[in-house]
Amino acid sequence: MFINLLPQKLVIKMLIRRRLRQWALIWAAMLIAGLLVMSANYRSLKQCQVQLDSYRQRVRPLASLQLQTSDIEKRLKTLHREVEVLETISAPDRSLALLAILGNAAKSPQYKVQIERMSLASTVNRVATQKPPTEPSHAMLSSVSLQGIADGDFGLANFVQSLRESNVFSQVELKSSLQYQRENLTGRQFQVECKFAE
């Protein structure tokens, strides 16, 4: 039979020390494992930081290019507006030349032609390969319709022939020719349509 002759307090102290030594080994093992895990995580974090810095270095030129692209777009819009103004200023005004052509065609020493009404038609002039579709277009004269009175068939024929020989119109068509008589005046009341050459 085993009889413990040690005091109870000493026995308790010895048990506590034994338990502490046992748990100290476990705690040391856990601490070492934690340090290893922290070291691995730290190395992974450093690698991620290096990759992030590399990506930032790659993205930095892209941000600069975006700024340059935005600046170029603003310059292009400004240039488009300037070109539009220049085209508007330099666009050929056919209305002034038309008056001179009609005056020369109607002027004849033998026949008299009087133009009573003139109607102008215009079309949109747009070149798809040179201008974006959002830009405003310019209107160009495409045809002119003339109504008037000639002193006879020969005078009307001479007027139409003069318009054709001007080389300004691609087509000159006599739409109508009616007998005209007012008081002592007789002649032909006509309607002529002229299409401009492109």
Protein backbone atom coordinates (compact mmCIF):
# COMPACT_ATOMS: atom_id res chain seq x y z
CA MET A 1 0.00 0.00 0.00
CA PHE A 2 1.40 3.43 -1.09
CA ILE A 3 1.20 6.16 1.44
CA ASN A 4 1.95 9.73 0.35
CA LEU A 5 3.76 11.39 3.16
CA LEU A 6 4.24 14.70 1.29
CA PRO A 7 2.23 17.67 2.39
CA GLN A 8 -0.89 18.30 0.36
CA LYS A 9 0.24 21.78 -0.70
CA LEU A 10 3.50 20.42 -2.09
CA VAL A 11 1.64 17.73 -3.99
CA ILE A 12 -0.64 20.35 -5.54
CA LYS A 13 2.34 22.43 -6.58
CA MET A 14 4.03 19.42 -8.16
CA LEU A 15 0.85 18.56 -10.11
CA ILE A 16 0.52 22.15 -11.30
CA ARG A 17 4.15 22.20 -12.46
CA ARG A 18 3.70 18.88 -14.29
CA ARG A 19 0.60 20.15 -16.04
CA LEU A 20 2.35 23.39 -16.93
CA ARG A 21 5.25 21.49 -18.49
CA GLN A 22 2.83 19.38 -20.52
CA TRP A 23 0.82 22.38 -21.73
CA ALA A 24 3.99 24.38 -22.35
CA LEU A 25 5.03 21.86 -24.99
CA ILE A 26 1.62 22.12 -26.63
CA TRP A 27 1.69 25.89 -26.50
CA ALA A 28 5.19 25.98 -27.92
CA ALA A 29 4.14 23.70 -30.77
CA MET A 30 1.10 25.86 -31.46
CA LEU A 31 3.23 29.02 -31.33
CA ILE A 32 5.73 27.57 -33.78
CA ALA A 33 2.91 26.50 -36.12
CA GLY A 34 1.37 29.97 -35.88
CA LEU A 35 4.71 31.59 -36.65
CA LEU A 36 5.12 29.35 -39.67
CA VAL A 37 1.63 30.22 -40.92
CA MET A 38 2.27 33.93 -40.36
CA SER A 39 5.57 33.69 -42.20
CA ALA A 40 3.89 31.97 -45.17
CA ASN A 41 1.11 34.57 -45.19
CA TYR A 42 3.65 37.37 -45.03
CA ARG A 43 5.56 35.96 -48.01
CA SER A 44 2.27 35.63 -49.93
CA LEU A 45 1.36 39.20 -49.00
CA LYS A 46 4.73 40.46 -50.23
CA GLN A 47 4.26 38.61 -53.52
CA CYS A 48 0.78 40.11 -53.94
CA GLN A 49 2.18 43.55 -53.20
CA VAL A 50 4.89 43.06 -55.83
CA GLN A 51 2.28 41.94 -58.39
CA LEU A 52 0.07 44.90 -57.49
CA ASP A 53 2.97 47.31 -58.02
CA SER A 54 3.69 45.63 -61.36
CA TYR A 55 0.06 46.00 -62.43
CA ARG A 56 0.07 49.65 -61.38
CA GLN A 57 3.15 50.25 -63.49
CA ARG A 58 1.37 48.67 -66.44
CA VAL A 59 -1.86 50.60 -65.91
CA ARG A 60 -0.15 53.97 -65.46
CA PRO A 61 0.53 54.42 -69.23
CA LEU A 62 -3.11 53.51 -69.93
CA ALA A 63 -4.33 56.35 -67.75
CA SER A 64 -1.99 58.71 -69.57
CA LEU A 65 -3.29 57.42 -72.91
CA GLN A 66 -6.87 57.99 -71.78
CA LEU A 67 -6.04 61.60 -70.97
CA GLN A 68 -4.33 62.01 -74.34
CA THR A 69 -7.30 60.41 -76.11
CA SER A 70 -9.72 62.75 -74.36
CA ASP A 71 -7.58 65.72 -75.35
CA ILE A 72 -7.42 64.53 -78.97
CA GLU A 73 -11.21 64.08 -79.07
CA LYS A 74 -11.68 67.65 -77.86
CA ARG A 75 -9.27 68.90 -80.52
CA LEU A 76 -11.08 66.89 -83.20
CA LYS A 77 -14.42 68.39 -82.19
CA THR A 78 -12.90 71.86 -82.37
CA LEU A 79 -11.39 71.12 -85.79
CA HIS A 80 -14.73 69.74 -87.04
CA ARG A 81 -16.45 72.94 -85.99
CA GLU A 82 -13.77 75.04 -87.69
CA VAL A 83 -14.01 72.96 -90.87
CA GLU A 84 -17.78 73.29 -90.82
CA VAL A 85 -17.50 77.07 -90.59
CA LEU A 86 -14.93 77.16 -93.39
CA GLU A 87 -17.09 74.96 -95.60
CA THR A 88 -20.07 77.19 -94.92
CA ILE A 89 -18.06 80.25 -95.87
CA SER A 90 -16.44 78.70 -98.95
CA ALA A 91 -19.52 76.79 -100.16
CA PRO A 92 -20.36 77.78 -103.72
CA ASP A 93 -23.36 80.07 -103.82
CA ARG A 94 -25.16 79.17 -107.00
CA SER A 95 -27.98 81.64 -106.49
CA LEU A 96 -25.88 84.63 -107.58
CA ALA A 97 -24.49 82.83 -110.61
CA LEU A 98 -27.98 81.63 -111.45
CA LEU A 99 -29.28 85.16 -111.80
CA ALA A 100 -26.52 85.98 -114.27
CA ILE A 101 -27.17 82.81 -116.29
CA LEU A 102 -30.91 83.47 -116.48
CA GLY A 103 -30.31 87.08 -117.43
CA ASN A 104 -28.01 86.09 -120.28
CA ALA A 105 -30.41 83.39 -121.49
CA ALA A 106 -33.39 85.73 -121.47
CA LYS A 107 -31.45 88.55 -123.12
CA SER A 108 -31.87 88.37 -126.87
CA PRO A 109 -32.03 91.10 -129.51
CA GLN A 110 -34.76 89.23 -131.41
CA TYR A 111 -36.95 87.67 -128.72
CA LYS A 112 -38.37 88.80 -125.42
CA VAL A 113 -38.58 86.52 -122.39
CA GLN A 114 -39.91 87.58 -119.02
CA ILE A 115 -39.42 85.40 -115.92
CA GLU A 116 -42.26 85.94 -113.47
CA ARG A 117 -41.54 83.30 -110.84
CA MET A 118 -38.48 81.28 -109.82
CA SER A 119 -38.53 78.39 -107.33
CA LEU A 120 -35.31 76.88 -105.95
CA ALA A 121 -34.91 73.34 -104.62
CA SER A 122 -31.98 72.15 -102.55
CA THR A 123 -30.59 68.82 -101.40
CA VAL A 124 -28.38 67.83 -98.50
CA ASN A 125 -24.73 67.56 -99.41
CA ARG A 126 -22.97 64.98 -97.22
CA VAL A 127 -19.89 62.89 -97.86
CA ALA A 128 -20.15 59.81 -95.60
CA THR A 129 -16.44 58.96 -95.73
CA GLN A 130 -15.36 62.44 -94.65
CA LYS A 131 -17.94 63.51 -92.08
CA PRO A 132 -19.53 61.77 -89.13
CA PRO A 133 -23.30 61.33 -89.45
CA THR A 134 -23.90 63.52 -86.37
CA GLU A 135 -22.54 66.64 -88.02
CA PRO A 136 -24.87 69.18 -89.63
CA SER A 137 -25.10 69.07 -93.40
CA HIS A 138 -25.06 71.85 -95.92
CA ALA A 139 -27.84 72.50 -98.40
CA MET A 140 -26.90 72.85 -102.05
CA LEU A 141 -29.12 74.01 -104.88
CA SER A 142 -30.20 71.05 -106.98
CA SER A 143 -32.83 72.44 -109.31
CA VAL A 144 -34.69 75.58 -110.26
CA SER A 145 -38.20 75.93 -111.66
CA LEU A 146 -38.94 78.93 -113.89
CA GLN A 147 -42.30 80.35 -114.85
CA GLY A 148 -42.66 83.21 -117.27
CA ILE A 149 -43.82 84.53 -120.62
CA ALA A 150 -42.09 84.42 -124.01
CA ASP A 151 -43.16 86.42 -127.04
CA GLY A 152 -43.61 83.25 -129.08
CA ASP A 153 -42.52 79.70 -129.74
CA PHE A 154 -39.21 80.78 -131.25
CA GLY A 155 -38.41 83.00 -128.30
CA LEU A 156 -39.22 80.20 -125.85
CA ALA A 157 -37.14 77.69 -127.84
CA ASN A 158 -34.22 80.13 -127.94
CA PHE A 159 -34.48 80.63 -124.16
CA VAL A 160 -34.47 76.90 -123.44
CA GLN A 161 -31.56 76.34 -125.83
CA SER A 162 -29.55 79.10 -124.16
CA LEU A 163 -30.07 77.44 -120.78
CA ARG A 164 -28.85 74.11 -122.15
CA GLU A 165 -25.78 75.69 -123.73
CA SER A 166 -24.78 77.33 -120.44
CA ASN A 167 -23.26 73.98 -119.32
CA VAL A 168 -24.50 74.68 -115.81
CA PHE A 169 -27.54 72.41 -115.88
CA SER A 170 -27.48 68.68 -116.44
CA GLN A 171 -31.06 68.77 -117.66
CA VAL A 172 -33.36 71.50 -118.96
CA GLU A 173 -36.95 70.38 -119.42
CA LEU A 174 -39.90 72.35 -120.75
CA LYS A 175 -42.73 71.29 -118.46
CA SER A 176 -45.55 73.29 -120.06
CA SER A 177 -46.20 75.86 -122.78
CA LEU A 178 -49.62 77.51 -123.05
CA GLN A 179 -50.99 80.21 -125.27
CA TYR A 180 -50.96 83.55 -123.52
CA GLN A 181 -52.96 86.61 -124.48
CA ARG A 182 -53.62 89.78 -122.52
CA GLU A 183 -54.95 92.91 -124.18
CA ASN A 184 -52.75 93.38 -127.25
CA LEU A 185 -49.96 91.04 -126.00
CA THR A 186 -49.71 87.46 -127.17
CA GLY A 187 -47.11 84.81 -126.47
CA ARG A 188 -46.39 81.59 -124.65
CA GLN A 189 -46.74 81.07 -120.92
CA PHE A 190 -44.16 78.46 -119.93
CA GLN A 191 -42.72 76.45 -117.09
CA VAL A 192 -39.13 75.21 -117.33
CA GLU A 193 -37.34 72.99 -114.83
CA CYS A 194 -33.54 72.98 -114.73
CA LYS A 195 -31.42 70.51 -112.77
CA PHE A 196 -27.92 71.48 -111.77
CA ALA A 197 -24.95 69.39 -112.83
CA GLU A 198 -23.22 67.70 -109.87
